[in-house]
Amino acid sequence: IAALLAKYFGGWKDHPVRSVRPAQVSGPTAAKVYLIDRPGSVQTNIVAGELSLRRTDPDFIPLQVANRVLGGGPTGRLFLELREEKGYTYGAFSYFTADLYPGAFLALTEVRNAVTDPALHDLLGEVERLRTQSVPGAELDEARRSMVASFALSLEQPERLLTYWMTAKYYGLPDDYWDRYPAEVARVDPVTVRRVADKYLQGLQVVCVGDAKQIQGALAKYGPVETYDVEGRPAGK
């Protein structure tokens, strides 16, 4: 490998690169609904989101655990409530991104027009429950154990090991970061989950793509509604 690297990349020359930093972005202060009018659509795509955090933020692992509880898989609350319990959708999930700069936390689902209102109500309700109520011990324990088990299995894949190593180098994480990862996950308690949920899941912005004639009236109760066409132009322009 070293010989091949030298052969094909040995002639590359280093040169200074100017660092470009984007402007500081502040999160929205109040909930709002953005409706993308797609006439004739038989379903509504719902995405509720907010800015999250940087990859190096101390809250990264606690927010991973909180996300696992909320919608990080088929055992998450969103999936169990919106699909298994109510039958509104084939799936409902949440995830977040984190890089050198804050990413986004998103909760999303796709439902038929007739249940847009109750589905959005329940999705936001599960977010609010995570923010305001402590996760029961058994539920939190299942989430932490599944994360640790998934991490342990991933160590059998050489490409994942390389990814972990590169992640630590890229973000400047401690050399023992992944050695401590399972213990850090196991250390996250109900108080911490509630704290990070309350911190990062306030004032969610909601984007709905669907037929405005069928769903617009149901959305007004969740905040001011701004309507756009599928090209991103404000309605009426």
C-alpha atoms as a PDB file:
ATOM      1  CA  ILE A   1       0.000   0.000   0.000  1.00  0.00           C
ATOM      2  CA  ALA A   2       2.786   2.425   0.907  1.00  0.00           C
ATOM      3  CA  ALA A   3       4.467   1.854  -2.465  1.00  0.00           C
ATOM      4  CA  LEU A   4       1.236   2.507  -4.355  1.00  0.00           C
ATOM      5  CA  LEU A   5       0.557   5.665  -2.368  1.00  0.00           C
ATOM      6  CA  ALA A   6       4.060   6.926  -3.132  1.00  0.00           C
ATOM      7  CA  LYS A   7       3.683   6.067  -6.828  1.00  0.00           C
ATOM      8  CA  TYR A   8       0.370   7.801  -7.422  1.00  0.00           C
ATOM      9  CA  PHE A   9       0.339  10.565  -4.817  1.00  0.00           C
ATOM     10  CA  GLY A  10       4.001  11.150  -4.017  1.00  0.00           C
ATOM     11  CA  GLY A  11       4.224  14.060  -6.447  1.00  0.00           C
ATOM     12  CA  TRP A  12       1.468  16.040  -4.796  1.00  0.00           C
ATOM     13  CA  LYS A  13       2.654  19.333  -3.305  1.00  0.00           C
ATOM     14  CA  ASP A  14       1.288  20.957  -0.202  1.00  0.00           C
ATOM     15  CA  HIS A  15       0.030  24.526  -0.378  1.00  0.00           C
ATOM     16  CA  PRO A  16      -1.677  26.851   2.089  1.00  0.00           C
ATOM     17  CA  VAL A  17      -5.464  26.883   2.102  1.00  0.00           C
ATOM     18  CA  ARG A  18      -7.416  29.848   3.394  1.00  0.00           C
ATOM     19  CA  SER A  19      -9.902  28.844   6.059  1.00  0.00           C
ATOM     20  CA  VAL A  20     -13.436  30.005   5.297  1.00  0.00           C
ATOM     21  CA  ARG A  21     -15.776  30.233   8.245  1.00  0.00           C
ATOM     22  CA  PRO A  22     -19.507  30.660   7.695  1.00  0.00           C
ATOM     23  CA  ALA A  23     -21.442  33.324   9.523  1.00  0.00           C
ATOM     24  CA  GLN A  24     -22.804  32.489  12.955  1.00  0.00           C
ATOM     25  CA  VAL A  25     -26.275  30.982  12.656  1.00  0.00           C
ATOM     26  CA  SER A  26     -28.773  31.387  15.456  1.00  0.00           C
ATOM     27  CA  GLY A  27     -31.739  29.107  15.887  1.00  0.00           C
ATOM     28  CA  PRO A  28     -35.342  30.248  15.387  1.00  0.00           C
ATOM     29  CA  THR A  29     -37.040  31.607  18.476  1.00  0.00           C
ATOM     30  CA  ALA A  30     -40.613  30.488  17.764  1.00  0.00           C
ATOM     31  CA  ALA A  31     -42.292  27.569  16.068  1.00  0.00           C
ATOM     32  CA  LYS A  32     -43.421  28.108  12.493  1.00  0.00           C
ATOM     33  CA  VAL A  33     -44.963  25.958   9.761  1.00  0.00           C
ATOM     34  CA  TYR A  34     -43.765  26.057   6.157  1.00  0.00           C
ATOM     35  CA  LEU A  35     -46.271  24.551   3.738  1.00  0.00           C
ATOM     36  CA  ILE A  36     -45.025  23.504   0.316  1.00  0.00           C
ATOM     37  CA  ASP A  37     -48.124  23.296  -1.863  1.00  0.00           C
ATOM     38  CA  ARG A  38     -48.083  20.252  -4.106  1.00  0.00           C
ATOM     39  CA  PRO A  39     -51.534  20.123  -5.743  1.00  0.00           C
ATOM     40  CA  GLY A  40     -52.964  16.649  -6.163  1.00  0.00           C
ATOM     41  CA  SER A  41     -50.664  15.052  -3.587  1.00  0.00           C
ATOM     42  CA  VAL A  42     -52.374  12.205  -1.754  1.00  0.00           C
ATOM     43  CA  GLN A  43     -50.033  12.335   1.213  1.00  0.00           C
ATOM     44  CA  THR A  44     -48.199  14.838   3.381  1.00  0.00           C
ATOM     45  CA  ASN A  45     -44.467  14.687   4.009  1.00  0.00           C
ATOM     46  CA  ILE A  46     -43.780  16.089   7.471  1.00  0.00           C
ATOM     47  CA  VAL A  47     -40.368  17.215   8.716  1.00  0.00           C
ATOM     48  CA  ALA A  48     -39.939  18.974  12.070  1.00  0.00           C
ATOM     49  CA  GLY A  49     -36.481  20.233  12.892  1.00  0.00           C
ATOM     50  CA  GLU A  50     -34.119  22.587  14.641  1.00  0.00           C
ATOM     51  CA  LEU A  51     -30.384  23.307  14.794  1.00  0.00           C
ATOM     52  CA  SER A  52     -28.479  20.683  16.769  1.00  0.00           C
ATOM     53  CA  LEU A  53     -24.833  20.852  17.869  1.00  0.00           C
ATOM     54  CA  ARG A  54     -21.213  20.442  16.853  1.00  0.00           C
ATOM     55  CA  ARG A  55     -19.599  17.021  16.762  1.00  0.00           C
ATOM     56  CA  THR A  56     -17.232  18.019  19.556  1.00  0.00           C
ATOM     57  CA  ASP A  57     -20.009  19.253  21.839  1.00  0.00           C
ATOM     58  CA  PRO A  58     -20.128  17.405  25.205  1.00  0.00           C
ATOM     59  CA  ASP A  59     -23.843  16.872  24.626  1.00  0.00           C
ATOM     60  CA  PHE A  60     -23.260  14.781  21.479  1.00  0.00           C
ATOM     61  CA  ILE A  61     -23.510  11.360  23.142  1.00  0.00           C
ATOM     62  CA  PRO A  62     -26.440  12.336  25.406  1.00  0.00           C
ATOM     63  CA  LEU A  63     -28.300  13.653  22.348  1.00  0.00           C
ATOM     64  CA  GLN A  64     -27.586  10.355  20.572  1.00  0.00           C
ATOM     65  CA  VAL A  65     -29.271   8.542  23.436  1.00  0.00           C
ATOM     66  CA  ALA A  66     -32.206  10.955  23.435  1.00  0.00           C
ATOM     67  CA  ASN A  67     -32.616  10.484  19.700  1.00  0.00           C
ATOM     68  CA  ARG A  68     -32.553   6.712  20.107  1.00  0.00           C
ATOM     69  CA  VAL A  69     -35.472   6.960  22.506  1.00  0.00           C
ATOM     70  CA  LEU A  70     -37.426   9.369  20.318  1.00  0.00           C
ATOM     71  CA  GLY A  71     -37.034   7.924  16.863  1.00  0.00           C
ATOM     72  CA  GLY A  72     -33.664   6.332  16.235  1.00  0.00           C
ATOM     73  CA  GLY A  73     -35.159   3.083  14.921  1.00  0.00           C
ATOM     74  CA  PRO A  74     -38.214   0.826  14.932  1.00  0.00           C
ATOM     75  CA  THR A  75     -38.179   0.718  18.735  1.00  0.00           C
ATOM     76  CA  GLY A  76     -38.324   4.514  18.971  1.00  0.00           C
ATOM     77  CA  ARG A  77     -41.382   6.298  20.279  1.00  0.00           C
ATOM     78  CA  LEU A  78     -42.243   7.896  16.951  1.00  0.00           C
ATOM     79  CA  PHE A  79     -42.324   4.558  15.143  1.00  0.00           C
ATOM     80  CA  LEU A  80     -44.274   2.823  17.891  1.00  0.00           C
ATOM     81  CA  GLU A  81     -46.831   5.619  18.252  1.00  0.00           C
ATOM     82  CA  LEU A  82     -47.414   6.735  14.664  1.00  0.00           C
ATOM     83  CA  ARG A  83     -47.091   3.362  12.959  1.00  0.00           C
ATOM     84  CA  GLU A  84     -47.666   0.545  15.418  1.00  0.00           C
ATOM     85  CA  GLU A  85     -50.274   2.214  17.625  1.00  0.00           C
ATOM     86  CA  LYS A  86     -52.084   4.587  15.241  1.00  0.00           C
ATOM     87  CA  GLY A  87     -51.338   3.157  11.784  1.00  0.00           C
ATOM     88  CA  TYR A  88     -50.780   6.617  10.300  1.00  0.00           C
ATOM     89  CA  THR A  89     -47.645   5.723   8.356  1.00  0.00           C
ATOM     90  CA  TYR A  90     -45.170   3.049   7.312  1.00  0.00           C
ATOM     91  CA  GLY A  91     -42.455   4.714   9.335  1.00  0.00           C
ATOM     92  CA  ALA A  92     -41.593   7.669  11.577  1.00  0.00           C
ATOM     93  CA  PHE A  93     -38.051   8.423  12.657  1.00  0.00           C
ATOM     94  CA  SER A  94     -35.662  11.070  13.921  1.00  0.00           C
ATOM     95  CA  TYR A  95     -31.954  11.734  13.495  1.00  0.00           C
ATOM     96  CA  PHE A  96     -29.452  14.544  13.769  1.00  0.00           C
ATOM     97  CA  THR A  97     -26.247  15.616  12.083  1.00  0.00           C
ATOM     98  CA  ALA A  98     -23.213  17.223  13.698  1.00  0.00           C
ATOM     99  CA  ASP A  99     -20.009  18.448  12.083  1.00  0.00           C
ATOM    100  CA  LEU A 100     -17.485  21.243  12.608  1.00  0.00           C
ATOM    101  CA  TYR A 101     -20.568  23.439  12.735  1.00  0.00           C
ATOM    102  CA  PRO A 102     -24.019  22.674  14.145  1.00  0.00           C
ATOM    103  CA  GLY A 103     -26.125  20.360  12.033  1.00  0.00           C
ATOM    104  CA  ALA A 104     -29.874  19.753  12.261  1.00  0.00           C
ATOM    105  CA  PHE A 105     -32.132  17.580  14.371  1.00  0.00           C
ATOM    106  CA  LEU A 106     -35.039  16.213  12.323  1.00  0.00           C
ATOM    107  CA  ALA A 107     -38.150  14.195  13.098  1.00  0.00           C
ATOM    108  CA  LEU A 108     -40.026  13.037  10.012  1.00  0.00           C
ATOM    109  CA  THR A 109     -42.814  10.916   8.605  1.00  0.00           C
ATOM    110  CA  GLU A 110     -45.109  10.598   5.586  1.00  0.00           C
ATOM    111  CA  VAL A 111     -48.857  10.201   6.051  1.00  0.00           C
ATOM    112  CA  ARG A 112     -52.052  10.256   3.992  1.00  0.00           C
ATOM    113  CA  ASN A 113     -53.796  13.623   3.848  1.00  0.00           C
ATOM    114  CA  ALA A 114     -56.675  12.624   6.093  1.00  0.00           C
ATOM    115  CA  VAL A 115     -54.416  12.060   9.111  1.00  0.00           C
ATOM    116  CA  THR A 116     -52.018  14.980   8.648  1.00  0.00           C
ATOM    117  CA  ASP A 117     -53.412  16.783  11.690  1.00  0.00           C
ATOM    118  CA  PRO A 118     -53.342  13.900  14.217  1.00  0.00           C
ATOM    119  CA  ALA A 119     -49.999  12.627  12.899  1.00  0.00           C
ATOM    120  CA  LEU A 120     -48.338  16.023  13.324  1.00  0.00           C
ATOM    121  CA  HIS A 121     -49.997  16.387  16.710  1.00  0.00           C
ATOM    122  CA  ASP A 122     -48.612  13.057  17.900  1.00  0.00           C
ATOM    123  CA  LEU A 123     -45.143  13.657  16.425  1.00  0.00           C
ATOM    124  CA  LEU A 124     -44.812  16.999  18.203  1.00  0.00           C
ATOM    125  CA  GLY A 125     -46.389  15.457  21.283  1.00  0.00           C
ATOM    126  CA  GLU A 126     -43.656  12.832  21.499  1.00  0.00           C
ATOM    127  CA  VAL A 127     -41.011  15.532  21.185  1.00  0.00           C
ATOM    128  CA  GLU A 128     -42.684  17.497  23.977  1.00  0.00           C
ATOM    129  CA  ARG A 129     -42.918  14.382  26.153  1.00  0.00           C
ATOM    130  CA  LEU A 130     -39.180  13.809  25.788  1.00  0.00           C
ATOM    131  CA  ARG A 131     -38.519  17.433  26.739  1.00  0.00           C
ATOM    132  CA  THR A 132     -40.765  17.522  29.786  1.00  0.00           C
ATOM    133  CA  GLN A 133     -40.916  14.000  31.224  1.00  0.00           C
ATOM    134  CA  SER A 134     -38.177  11.676  32.423  1.00  0.00           C
ATOM    135  CA  VAL A 135     -37.674   8.540  30.329  1.00  0.00           C
ATOM    136  CA  PRO A 136     -38.592   5.412  32.342  1.00  0.00           C
ATOM    137  CA  GLY A 137     -35.589   3.396  33.458  1.00  0.00           C
ATOM    138  CA  ALA A 138     -36.367   0.273  31.440  1.00  0.00           C
ATOM    139  CA  GLU A 139     -36.914   2.229  28.220  1.00  0.00           C
ATOM    140  CA  LEU A 140     -33.712   4.208  28.668  1.00  0.00           C
ATOM    141  CA  ASP A 141     -31.762   1.070  29.519  1.00  0.00           C
ATOM    142  CA  GLU A 142     -32.971  -0.603  26.310  1.00  0.00           C
ATOM    143  CA  ALA A 143     -31.872   2.404  24.258  1.00  0.00           C
ATOM    144  CA  ARG A 144     -28.412   2.518  25.847  1.00  0.00           C
ATOM    145  CA  ARG A 145     -27.887  -1.236  25.538  1.00  0.00           C
ATOM    146  CA  SER A 146     -28.898  -1.257  21.880  1.00  0.00           C
ATOM    147  CA  MET A 147     -26.463   1.560  21.116  1.00  0.00           C
ATOM    148  CA  VAL A 148     -23.589  -0.224  22.856  1.00  0.00           C
ATOM    149  CA  ALA A 149     -24.437  -3.529  21.172  1.00  0.00           C
ATOM    150  CA  SER A 150     -24.589  -1.887  17.752  1.00  0.00           C
ATOM    151  CA  PHE A 151     -21.222  -0.228  18.375  1.00  0.00           C
ATOM    152  CA  ALA A 152     -19.664  -3.529  19.462  1.00  0.00           C
ATOM    153  CA  LEU A 153     -20.865  -5.294  16.313  1.00  0.00           C
ATOM    154  CA  SER A 154     -19.545  -2.483  14.137  1.00  0.00           C
ATOM    155  CA  LEU A 155     -16.016  -3.163  15.404  1.00  0.00           C
ATOM    156  CA  GLU A 156     -16.033  -6.354  13.316  1.00  0.00           C
ATOM    157  CA  GLN A 157     -16.006  -4.254  10.127  1.00  0.00           C
ATOM    158  CA  PRO A 158     -12.572  -2.935   9.088  1.00  0.00           C
ATOM    159  CA  GLU A 159     -14.102   0.017   7.231  1.00  0.00           C
ATOM    160  CA  ARG A 160     -15.946   1.110  10.363  1.00  0.00           C
ATOM    161  CA  LEU A 161     -12.742   0.937  12.387  1.00  0.00           C
ATOM    162  CA  LEU A 162     -11.090   3.183   9.817  1.00  0.00           C
ATOM    163  CA  THR A 163     -14.056   5.561   9.932  1.00  0.00           C
ATOM    164  CA  TYR A 164     -13.856   5.780  13.732  1.00  0.00           C
ATOM    165  CA  TRP A 165     -10.137   6.519  13.569  1.00  0.00           C
ATOM    166  CA  MET A 166     -10.617   9.184  10.901  1.00  0.00           C
ATOM    167  CA  THR A 167     -13.496  10.734  12.865  1.00  0.00           C
ATOM    168  CA  ALA A 168     -11.309  11.104  15.939  1.00  0.00           C
ATOM    169  CA  LYS A 169      -8.512  12.663  13.889  1.00  0.00           C
ATOM    170  CA  TYR A 170     -10.756  14.997  11.899  1.00  0.00           C
ATOM    171  CA  TYR A 171     -12.576  16.423  14.910  1.00  0.00           C
ATOM    172  CA  GLY A 172      -9.624  16.324  17.284  1.00  0.00           C
ATOM    173  CA  LEU A 173     -11.309  13.918  19.673  1.00  0.00           C
ATOM    174  CA  PRO A 174      -9.221  12.288  22.456  1.00  0.00           C
ATOM    175  CA  ASP A 175      -7.222   9.211  21.430  1.00  0.00           C
ATOM    176  CA  ASP A 176      -9.258   7.070  23.810  1.00  0.00           C
ATOM    177  CA  TYR A 177     -12.612   8.476  22.679  1.00  0.00           C
ATOM    178  CA  TRP A 178     -13.904   5.202  21.222  1.00  0.00           C
ATOM    179  CA  ASP A 179     -12.480   3.175  24.102  1.00  0.00           C
ATOM    180  CA  ARG A 180     -14.647   5.237  26.444  1.00  0.00           C
ATOM    181  CA  TYR A 181     -17.681   5.451  24.155  1.00  0.00           C
ATOM    182  CA  PRO A 182     -19.676   2.502  25.601  1.00  0.00           C
ATOM    183  CA  ALA A 183     -19.163   3.751  29.151  1.00  0.00           C
ATOM    184  CA  GLU A 184     -20.178   7.280  28.162  1.00  0.00           C
ATOM    185  CA  VAL A 185     -23.380   5.956  26.606  1.00  0.00           C
ATOM    186  CA  ALA A 186     -24.159   3.879  29.698  1.00  0.00           C
ATOM    187  CA  ARG A 187     -23.608   6.933  31.892  1.00  0.00           C
ATOM    188  CA  VAL A 188     -26.432   8.966  30.304  1.00  0.00           C
ATOM    189  CA  ASP A 189     -29.281   9.161  32.832  1.00  0.00           C
ATOM    190  CA  PRO A 190     -32.927  10.343  32.597  1.00  0.00           C
ATOM    191  CA  VAL A 191     -32.054  13.816  33.882  1.00  0.00           C
ATOM    192  CA  THR A 192     -29.459  14.270  31.152  1.00  0.00           C
ATOM    193  CA  VAL A 193     -31.794  13.028  28.408  1.00  0.00           C
ATOM    194  CA  ARG A 194     -34.474  15.463  29.500  1.00  0.00           C
ATOM    195  CA  ARG A 195     -31.953  18.313  29.676  1.00  0.00           C
ATOM    196  CA  VAL A 196     -30.570  17.845  26.153  1.00  0.00           C
ATOM    197  CA  ALA A 197     -34.037  17.259  24.703  1.00  0.00           C
ATOM    198  CA  ASP A 198     -35.255  20.501  26.243  1.00  0.00           C
ATOM    199  CA  LYS A 199     -32.168  22.338  25.010  1.00  0.00           C
ATOM    200  CA  TYR A 200     -32.123  21.165  21.396  1.00  0.00           C
ATOM    201  CA  LEU A 201     -35.786  20.453  20.625  1.00  0.00           C
ATOM    202  CA  GLN A 202     -37.384  23.799  21.403  1.00  0.00           C
ATOM    203  CA  GLY A 203     -39.219  25.865  18.805  1.00  0.00           C
ATOM    204  CA  LEU A 204     -39.210  23.199  16.101  1.00  0.00           C
ATOM    205  CA  GLN A 205     -39.725  24.453  12.575  1.00  0.00           C
ATOM    206  CA  VAL A 206     -42.210  22.304  10.666  1.00  0.00           C
ATOM    207  CA  VAL A 207     -42.098  21.735   6.913  1.00  0.00           C
ATOM    208  CA  CYS A 208     -45.066  19.995   5.272  1.00  0.00           C
ATOM    209  CA  VAL A 209     -45.219  19.102   1.597  1.00  0.00           C
ATOM    210  CA  GLY A 210     -48.735  18.326   0.400  1.00  0.00           C
ATOM    211  CA  ASP A 211     -51.924  19.579  -1.204  1.00  0.00           C
ATOM    212  CA  ALA A 212     -52.609  22.936   0.470  1.00  0.00           C
ATOM    213  CA  LYS A 213     -56.336  22.767  -0.226  1.00  0.00           C
ATOM    214  CA  GLN A 214     -56.590  19.609   1.854  1.00  0.00           C
ATOM    215  CA  ILE A 215     -54.156  20.229   4.705  1.00  0.00           C
ATOM    216  CA  GLN A 216     -53.627  23.970   5.173  1.00  0.00           C
ATOM    217  CA  GLY A 217     -56.478  24.369   7.635  1.00  0.00           C
ATOM    218  CA  ALA A 218     -55.106  21.608   9.846  1.00  0.00           C
ATOM    219  CA  LEU A 219     -51.661  23.211  10.120  1.00  0.00           C
ATOM    220  CA  ALA A 220     -52.560  26.656  11.458  1.00  0.00           C
ATOM    221  CA  LYS A 221     -52.898  25.403  15.046  1.00  0.00           C
ATOM    222  CA  TYR A 222     -49.175  24.511  15.128  1.00  0.00           C
ATOM    223  CA  GLY A 223     -47.873  28.008  14.400  1.00  0.00           C
ATOM    224  CA  PRO A 224     -47.904  30.716  11.741  1.00  0.00           C
ATOM    225  CA  VAL A 225     -48.091  29.129   8.282  1.00  0.00           C
ATOM    226  CA  GLU A 226     -46.009  30.332   5.324  1.00  0.00           C
ATOM    227  CA  THR A 227     -47.027  28.794   1.998  1.00  0.00           C
ATOM    228  CA  TYR A 228     -44.744  28.233  -0.994  1.00  0.00           C
ATOM    229  CA  ASP A 229     -45.056  26.471  -4.316  1.00  0.00           C
ATOM    230  CA  VAL A 230     -42.872  23.516  -5.269  1.00  0.00           C
ATOM    231  CA  GLU A 231     -40.291  25.906  -6.776  1.00  0.00           C
ATOM    232  CA  GLY A 232     -39.876  27.661  -3.431  1.00  0.00           C
ATOM    233  CA  ARG A 233     -41.749  30.806  -4.413  1.00  0.00           C
ATOM    234  CA  PRO A 234     -44.091  32.394  -1.839  1.00  0.00           C
ATOM    235  CA  ALA A 235     -47.735  31.652  -2.567  1.00  0.00           C
ATOM    236  CA  GLY A 236     -49.398  34.146  -4.885  1.00  0.00           C
ATOM    237  CA  LYS A 237     -46.159  35.356  -6.480  1.00  0.00           C
END
